[in-house]
Amino acid sequence: MDQKTRSNRALGKQNREQLSEESRFHKSRKIAENLMATAVWKQAKQVLLYASYGSEVSTGLLIDAALAAEKEVFLPKVLGDQMEFFRITDRAELAPGHQHILEPPGQTKRFLPDASGLAFDRSGARIGYGKGFYDRYLGKIPAADRPYLVGLCFSCQLFEILDGQKPHDINMDLIVTERR
């Protein structure tokens, strides 16, 4: 990993962790509202989300809204060095898994396509935690079958340009913050 990639990752994480809990709560709510106002969200019959962890954008409101709207909701589960998405019908199904992050039990319907990140840029590039789980998972899906990818982040994690993108990194189709 080169210095610029490391610095974007570290700065994105530092910026996010410097937000107060109250600020993260309000910004997460605004991010959820902004996403739910998009045509992509309104038309989606299936959504792949993550169970937020630590200082990440909170996804609880999105999970609850998707379930209430009777969308099929899938969350990731780490299986060895791979990740798969499994359907949930209630947040109560989630239990601590990899790195103590809440995960579905993995006994339910897997997401099969017909189809977090620490720093993002305006073109849709993202830098995650460095393990490559999301890029490996999405990289297995042919681009034509890939779901519409939305990155959720606080505006303090959004940079003009990210350095250090790798050929296997998968860009987001849309970035949603509390401001846009």
C-alpha atoms as a PDB file:
ATOM      1  CA  MET A   1       0.000   0.000   0.000  1.00  0.00           C
ATOM      2  CA  ASP A   2       1.507   3.330  -0.982  1.00  0.00           C
ATOM      3  CA  GLN A   3       1.710   6.379   1.316  1.00  0.00           C
ATOM      4  CA  LYS A   4      -1.131   8.280  -0.413  1.00  0.00           C
ATOM      5  CA  THR A   5      -3.543   5.348  -0.058  1.00  0.00           C
ATOM      6  CA  ARG A   6      -2.546   4.972   3.574  1.00  0.00           C
ATOM      7  CA  SER A   7      -2.984   8.705   4.188  1.00  0.00           C
ATOM      8  CA  ASN A   8      -6.450   8.841   2.496  1.00  0.00           C
ATOM      9  CA  ARG A   9      -7.556   5.834   4.556  1.00  0.00           C
ATOM     10  CA  ALA A  10      -6.133   7.252   7.800  1.00  0.00           C
ATOM     11  CA  LEU A  11      -7.497  10.758   7.185  1.00  0.00           C
ATOM     12  CA  GLY A  12     -10.966   9.464   6.262  1.00  0.00           C
ATOM     13  CA  LYS A  13     -11.064   7.339   9.424  1.00  0.00           C
ATOM     14  CA  GLN A  14      -9.692  10.174  11.568  1.00  0.00           C
ATOM     15  CA  ASN A  15     -12.234  12.652  10.169  1.00  0.00           C
ATOM     16  CA  ARG A  16     -15.074  10.223  10.803  1.00  0.00           C
ATOM     17  CA  GLU A  17     -13.956   9.383  14.333  1.00  0.00           C
ATOM     18  CA  GLN A  18     -13.657  13.075  15.254  1.00  0.00           C
ATOM     19  CA  LEU A  19     -17.397  13.517  14.744  1.00  0.00           C
ATOM     20  CA  SER A  20     -19.305  13.533  18.019  1.00  0.00           C
ATOM     21  CA  GLU A  21     -21.824  10.752  18.593  1.00  0.00           C
ATOM     22  CA  GLU A  22     -24.633  13.294  18.311  1.00  0.00           C
ATOM     23  CA  SER A  23     -23.229  14.659  15.040  1.00  0.00           C
ATOM     24  CA  ARG A  24     -22.862  11.134  13.597  1.00  0.00           C
ATOM     25  CA  PHE A  25     -26.475  10.394  14.591  1.00  0.00           C
ATOM     26  CA  HIS A  26     -27.869  13.510  12.876  1.00  0.00           C
ATOM     27  CA  LYS A  27     -25.649  13.165   9.801  1.00  0.00           C
ATOM     28  CA  SER A  28     -26.528   9.450   9.487  1.00  0.00           C
ATOM     29  CA  ARG A  29     -30.218  10.331   9.603  1.00  0.00           C
ATOM     30  CA  LYS A  30     -29.740  12.938   6.857  1.00  0.00           C
ATOM     31  CA  ILE A  31     -27.740  10.458   4.747  1.00  0.00           C
ATOM     32  CA  ALA A  32     -30.575   7.930   5.113  1.00  0.00           C
ATOM     33  CA  GLU A  33     -33.149  10.561   4.136  1.00  0.00           C
ATOM     34  CA  ASN A  34     -31.067  11.598   1.112  1.00  0.00           C
ATOM     35  CA  LEU A  35     -30.721   7.989  -0.064  1.00  0.00           C
ATOM     36  CA  MET A  36     -34.405   7.189   0.488  1.00  0.00           C
ATOM     37  CA  ALA A  37     -35.329  10.239  -1.623  1.00  0.00           C
ATOM     38  CA  THR A  38     -33.549   8.813  -4.693  1.00  0.00           C
ATOM     39  CA  ALA A  39     -35.352   6.998  -7.479  1.00  0.00           C
ATOM     40  CA  VAL A  40     -32.845   4.151  -7.106  1.00  0.00           C
ATOM     41  CA  TRP A  41     -33.970   3.499  -3.525  1.00  0.00           C
ATOM     42  CA  LYS A  42     -37.661   3.914  -4.289  1.00  0.00           C
ATOM     43  CA  GLN A  43     -37.532   1.467  -7.204  1.00  0.00           C
ATOM     44  CA  ALA A  44     -35.298  -1.124  -5.537  1.00  0.00           C
ATOM     45  CA  LYS A  45     -36.925  -4.420  -4.668  1.00  0.00           C
ATOM     46  CA  GLN A  46     -33.707  -5.752  -3.111  1.00  0.00           C
ATOM     47  CA  VAL A  47     -31.112  -3.794  -1.119  1.00  0.00           C
ATOM     48  CA  LEU A  48     -27.692  -4.823   0.079  1.00  0.00           C
ATOM     49  CA  LEU A  49     -26.736  -2.941   3.218  1.00  0.00           C
ATOM     50  CA  TYR A  50     -24.233  -3.388   6.022  1.00  0.00           C
ATOM     51  CA  ALA A  51     -24.671  -3.403   9.777  1.00  0.00           C
ATOM     52  CA  SER A  52     -22.850  -0.267  10.852  1.00  0.00           C
ATOM     53  CA  TYR A  53     -19.990  -0.622  13.266  1.00  0.00           C
ATOM     54  CA  GLY A  54     -18.167   1.894  15.435  1.00  0.00           C
ATOM     55  CA  SER A  55     -18.101   5.357  13.876  1.00  0.00           C
ATOM     56  CA  GLU A  56     -19.498   4.289  10.470  1.00  0.00           C
ATOM     57  CA  VAL A  57     -22.593   5.872   8.963  1.00  0.00           C
ATOM     58  CA  SER A  58     -25.447   4.269  10.896  1.00  0.00           C
ATOM     59  CA  THR A  59     -27.554   1.987   8.699  1.00  0.00           C
ATOM     60  CA  GLY A  60     -30.236   1.025  11.235  1.00  0.00           C
ATOM     61  CA  LEU A  61     -32.793   3.482   9.839  1.00  0.00           C
ATOM     62  CA  LEU A  62     -32.173   2.234   6.279  1.00  0.00           C
ATOM     63  CA  ILE A  63     -32.490  -1.409   7.305  1.00  0.00           C
ATOM     64  CA  ASP A  64     -35.734  -0.714   9.171  1.00  0.00           C
ATOM     65  CA  ALA A  65     -37.152   1.405   6.315  1.00  0.00           C
ATOM     66  CA  ALA A  66     -36.300  -1.239   3.720  1.00  0.00           C
ATOM     67  CA  LEU A  67     -37.892  -3.989   5.804  1.00  0.00           C
ATOM     68  CA  ALA A  68     -41.006  -1.852   6.429  1.00  0.00           C
ATOM     69  CA  ALA A  69     -41.263  -1.233   2.672  1.00  0.00           C
ATOM     70  CA  GLU A  70     -41.116  -5.013   2.135  1.00  0.00           C
ATOM     71  CA  LYS A  71     -37.858  -4.849   0.199  1.00  0.00           C
ATOM     72  CA  GLU A  72     -35.611  -7.898   0.366  1.00  0.00           C
ATOM     73  CA  VAL A  73     -32.738  -6.862   2.648  1.00  0.00           C
ATOM     74  CA  PHE A  74     -29.343  -8.565   2.463  1.00  0.00           C
ATOM     75  CA  LEU A  75     -26.384  -8.004   4.796  1.00  0.00           C
ATOM     76  CA  PRO A  76     -22.822  -9.308   4.533  1.00  0.00           C
ATOM     77  CA  LYS A  77     -21.361 -12.261   6.392  1.00  0.00           C
ATOM     78  CA  VAL A  78     -17.639 -13.018   6.300  1.00  0.00           C
ATOM     79  CA  LEU A  79     -16.886 -16.652   5.503  1.00  0.00           C
ATOM     80  CA  GLY A  80     -13.129 -17.182   5.793  1.00  0.00           C
ATOM     81  CA  ASP A  81     -11.530 -14.672   3.437  1.00  0.00           C
ATOM     82  CA  GLN A  82     -14.711 -14.190   1.401  1.00  0.00           C
ATOM     83  CA  MET A  83     -17.965 -12.386   2.005  1.00  0.00           C
ATOM     84  CA  GLU A  84     -21.519 -13.292   1.000  1.00  0.00           C
ATOM     85  CA  PHE A  85     -24.801 -11.447   1.479  1.00  0.00           C
ATOM     86  CA  PHE A  86     -27.718 -13.176   3.221  1.00  0.00           C
ATOM     87  CA  ARG A  87     -31.323 -12.061   3.527  1.00  0.00           C
ATOM     88  CA  ILE A  88     -32.722 -10.863   6.836  1.00  0.00           C
ATOM     89  CA  THR A  89     -36.330 -10.158   7.767  1.00  0.00           C
ATOM     90  CA  ASP A  90     -35.604  -8.522  11.133  1.00  0.00           C
ATOM     91  CA  ARG A  91     -32.578  -6.816  12.694  1.00  0.00           C
ATOM     92  CA  ALA A  92     -32.979  -9.134  15.691  1.00  0.00           C
ATOM     93  CA  GLU A  93     -31.540 -11.945  13.508  1.00  0.00           C
ATOM     94  CA  LEU A  94     -28.105 -10.296  13.515  1.00  0.00           C
ATOM     95  CA  ALA A  95     -25.342 -11.554  15.799  1.00  0.00           C
ATOM     96  CA  PRO A  96     -21.683 -10.573  16.290  1.00  0.00           C
ATOM     97  CA  GLY A  97     -19.454 -12.098  13.630  1.00  0.00           C
ATOM     98  CA  HIS A  98     -16.136 -11.152  11.987  1.00  0.00           C
ATOM     99  CA  GLN A  99     -14.424  -8.396  14.016  1.00  0.00           C
ATOM    100  CA  HIS A 100     -17.539  -8.414  16.274  1.00  0.00           C
ATOM    101  CA  ILE A 101     -19.584  -6.767  13.502  1.00  0.00           C
ATOM    102  CA  LEU A 102     -23.241  -7.789  13.389  1.00  0.00           C
ATOM    103  CA  GLU A 103     -23.934 -10.342  10.645  1.00  0.00           C
ATOM    104  CA  PRO A 104     -26.874 -12.456   9.491  1.00  0.00           C
ATOM    105  CA  PRO A 105     -26.781 -16.114  10.553  1.00  0.00           C
ATOM    106  CA  GLY A 106     -26.016 -17.284   7.000  1.00  0.00           C
ATOM    107  CA  GLN A 107     -28.783 -19.870   6.875  1.00  0.00           C
ATOM    108  CA  THR A 108     -31.128 -17.804   4.733  1.00  0.00           C
ATOM    109  CA  LYS A 109     -31.428 -16.829   1.079  1.00  0.00           C
ATOM    110  CA  ARG A 110     -28.131 -15.636  -0.422  1.00  0.00           C
ATOM    111  CA  PHE A 111     -28.079 -12.628  -2.683  1.00  0.00           C
ATOM    112  CA  LEU A 112     -27.416 -13.798  -6.200  1.00  0.00           C
ATOM    113  CA  PRO A 113     -27.420 -11.223  -8.943  1.00  0.00           C
ATOM    114  CA  ASP A 114     -29.604 -11.554 -11.993  1.00  0.00           C
ATOM    115  CA  ALA A 115     -26.580  -9.516  -9.855  1.00  0.00           C
ATOM    116  CA  SER A 116     -17.921   0.831   4.446  1.00  0.00           C
ATOM    117  CA  GLY A 117     -15.387   2.467   3.345  1.00  0.00           C
ATOM    118  CA  LEU A 118     -13.144   4.943   4.964  1.00  0.00           C
ATOM    119  CA  ALA A 119     -12.637   7.416   2.125  1.00  0.00           C
ATOM    120  CA  PHE A 120     -14.458   8.222  -1.105  1.00  0.00           C
ATOM    121  CA  ASP A 121     -14.007  10.616  -3.986  1.00  0.00           C
ATOM    122  CA  ARG A 122     -16.542  12.421  -6.127  1.00  0.00           C
ATOM    123  CA  SER A 123     -16.035  10.018  -9.042  1.00  0.00           C
ATOM    124  CA  GLY A 124     -17.200   7.059  -6.920  1.00  0.00           C
ATOM    125  CA  ALA A 125     -13.824   5.631  -5.926  1.00  0.00           C
ATOM    126  CA  ARG A 126     -13.593   4.250  -2.402  1.00  0.00           C
ATOM    127  CA  ILE A 127     -10.944   3.017  -0.029  1.00  0.00           C
ATOM    128  CA  GLY A 128     -12.130   0.545   2.573  1.00  0.00           C
ATOM    129  CA  TYR A 129     -10.403  -1.052   5.504  1.00  0.00           C
ATOM    130  CA  GLY A 130      -7.853  -2.770   3.275  1.00  0.00           C
ATOM    131  CA  LYS A 131      -9.027  -6.398   3.427  1.00  0.00           C
ATOM    132  CA  GLY A 132     -10.778  -6.289   0.033  1.00  0.00           C
ATOM    133  CA  PHE A 133     -13.956  -8.146   1.086  1.00  0.00           C
ATOM    134  CA  TYR A 134     -16.324  -5.908  -0.883  1.00  0.00           C
ATOM    135  CA  ASP A 135     -14.081  -5.645  -3.957  1.00  0.00           C
ATOM    136  CA  ARG A 136     -13.631  -9.444  -4.125  1.00  0.00           C
ATOM    137  CA  TYR A 137     -17.355 -10.022  -3.662  1.00  0.00           C
ATOM    138  CA  LEU A 138     -18.402  -7.450  -6.264  1.00  0.00           C
ATOM    139  CA  GLY A 139     -15.572  -8.443  -8.597  1.00  0.00           C
ATOM    140  CA  LYS A 140     -17.135 -11.902  -8.974  1.00  0.00           C
ATOM    141  CA  ILE A 141     -20.246 -10.317 -10.480  1.00  0.00           C
ATOM    142  CA  PRO A 142     -20.036  -9.389 -14.170  1.00  0.00           C
ATOM    143  CA  ALA A 143     -20.278  -5.603 -14.514  1.00  0.00           C
ATOM    144  CA  ALA A 144     -23.491  -5.881 -16.553  1.00  0.00           C
ATOM    145  CA  ASP A 145     -25.155  -7.832 -13.704  1.00  0.00           C
ATOM    146  CA  ARG A 146     -23.745  -5.816 -10.815  1.00  0.00           C
ATOM    147  CA  PRO A 147     -26.287  -4.072  -8.596  1.00  0.00           C
ATOM    148  CA  TYR A 148     -26.369  -0.283  -8.445  1.00  0.00           C
ATOM    149  CA  LEU A 149     -23.703   0.594  -5.857  1.00  0.00           C
ATOM    150  CA  VAL A 150     -24.253   3.423  -3.394  1.00  0.00           C
ATOM    151  CA  GLY A 151     -21.495   4.498  -1.003  1.00  0.00           C
ATOM    152  CA  LEU A 152     -22.624   6.041   2.275  1.00  0.00           C
ATOM    153  CA  CYS A 153     -20.199   8.408   3.962  1.00  0.00           C
ATOM    154  CA  PHE A 154     -19.982  11.552   6.003  1.00  0.00           C
ATOM    155  CA  SER A 155     -18.949  14.599   3.972  1.00  0.00           C
ATOM    156  CA  CYS A 156     -15.676  14.725   5.950  1.00  0.00           C
ATOM    157  CA  GLN A 157     -14.711  11.410   4.287  1.00  0.00           C
ATOM    158  CA  LEU A 158     -15.228  12.742   0.762  1.00  0.00           C
ATOM    159  CA  PHE A 159     -12.128  13.854  -1.139  1.00  0.00           C
ATOM    160  CA  GLU A 160     -11.792  15.419  -4.594  1.00  0.00           C
ATOM    161  CA  ILE A 161      -9.530  12.584  -5.762  1.00  0.00           C
ATOM    162  CA  LEU A 162      -8.346   9.397  -4.054  1.00  0.00           C
ATOM    163  CA  ASP A 163      -4.878   8.187  -4.825  1.00  0.00           C
ATOM    164  CA  GLY A 164      -3.894   4.560  -4.859  1.00  0.00           C
ATOM    165  CA  GLN A 165      -6.848   2.953  -6.629  1.00  0.00           C
ATOM    166  CA  LYS A 166      -6.045  -0.593  -7.713  1.00  0.00           C
ATOM    167  CA  PRO A 167      -7.355  -2.272 -10.902  1.00  0.00           C
ATOM    168  CA  HIS A 168      -9.548  -4.622  -8.809  1.00  0.00           C
ATOM    169  CA  ASP A 169     -11.176  -1.771  -6.833  1.00  0.00           C
ATOM    170  CA  ILE A 170     -14.881  -1.400  -7.611  1.00  0.00           C
ATOM    171  CA  ASN A 171     -16.248   2.144  -7.861  1.00  0.00           C
ATOM    172  CA  MET A 172     -19.601   3.217  -6.482  1.00  0.00           C
ATOM    173  CA  ASP A 173     -22.321   4.447  -8.843  1.00  0.00           C
ATOM    174  CA  LEU A 174     -23.468   7.081  -6.355  1.00  0.00           C
ATOM    175  CA  ILE A 175     -22.049   8.604  -3.164  1.00  0.00           C
ATOM    176  CA  VAL A 176     -24.566   9.833  -0.568  1.00  0.00           C
ATOM    177  CA  THR A 177     -23.574  12.144   2.299  1.00  0.00           C
ATOM    178  CA  GLU A 178     -25.532  14.282   4.701  1.00  0.00           C
ATOM    179  CA  ARG A 179     -25.096  17.177   2.236  1.00  0.00           C
ATOM    180  CA  ARG A 180     -25.954  15.453  -1.060  1.00  0.00           C
END
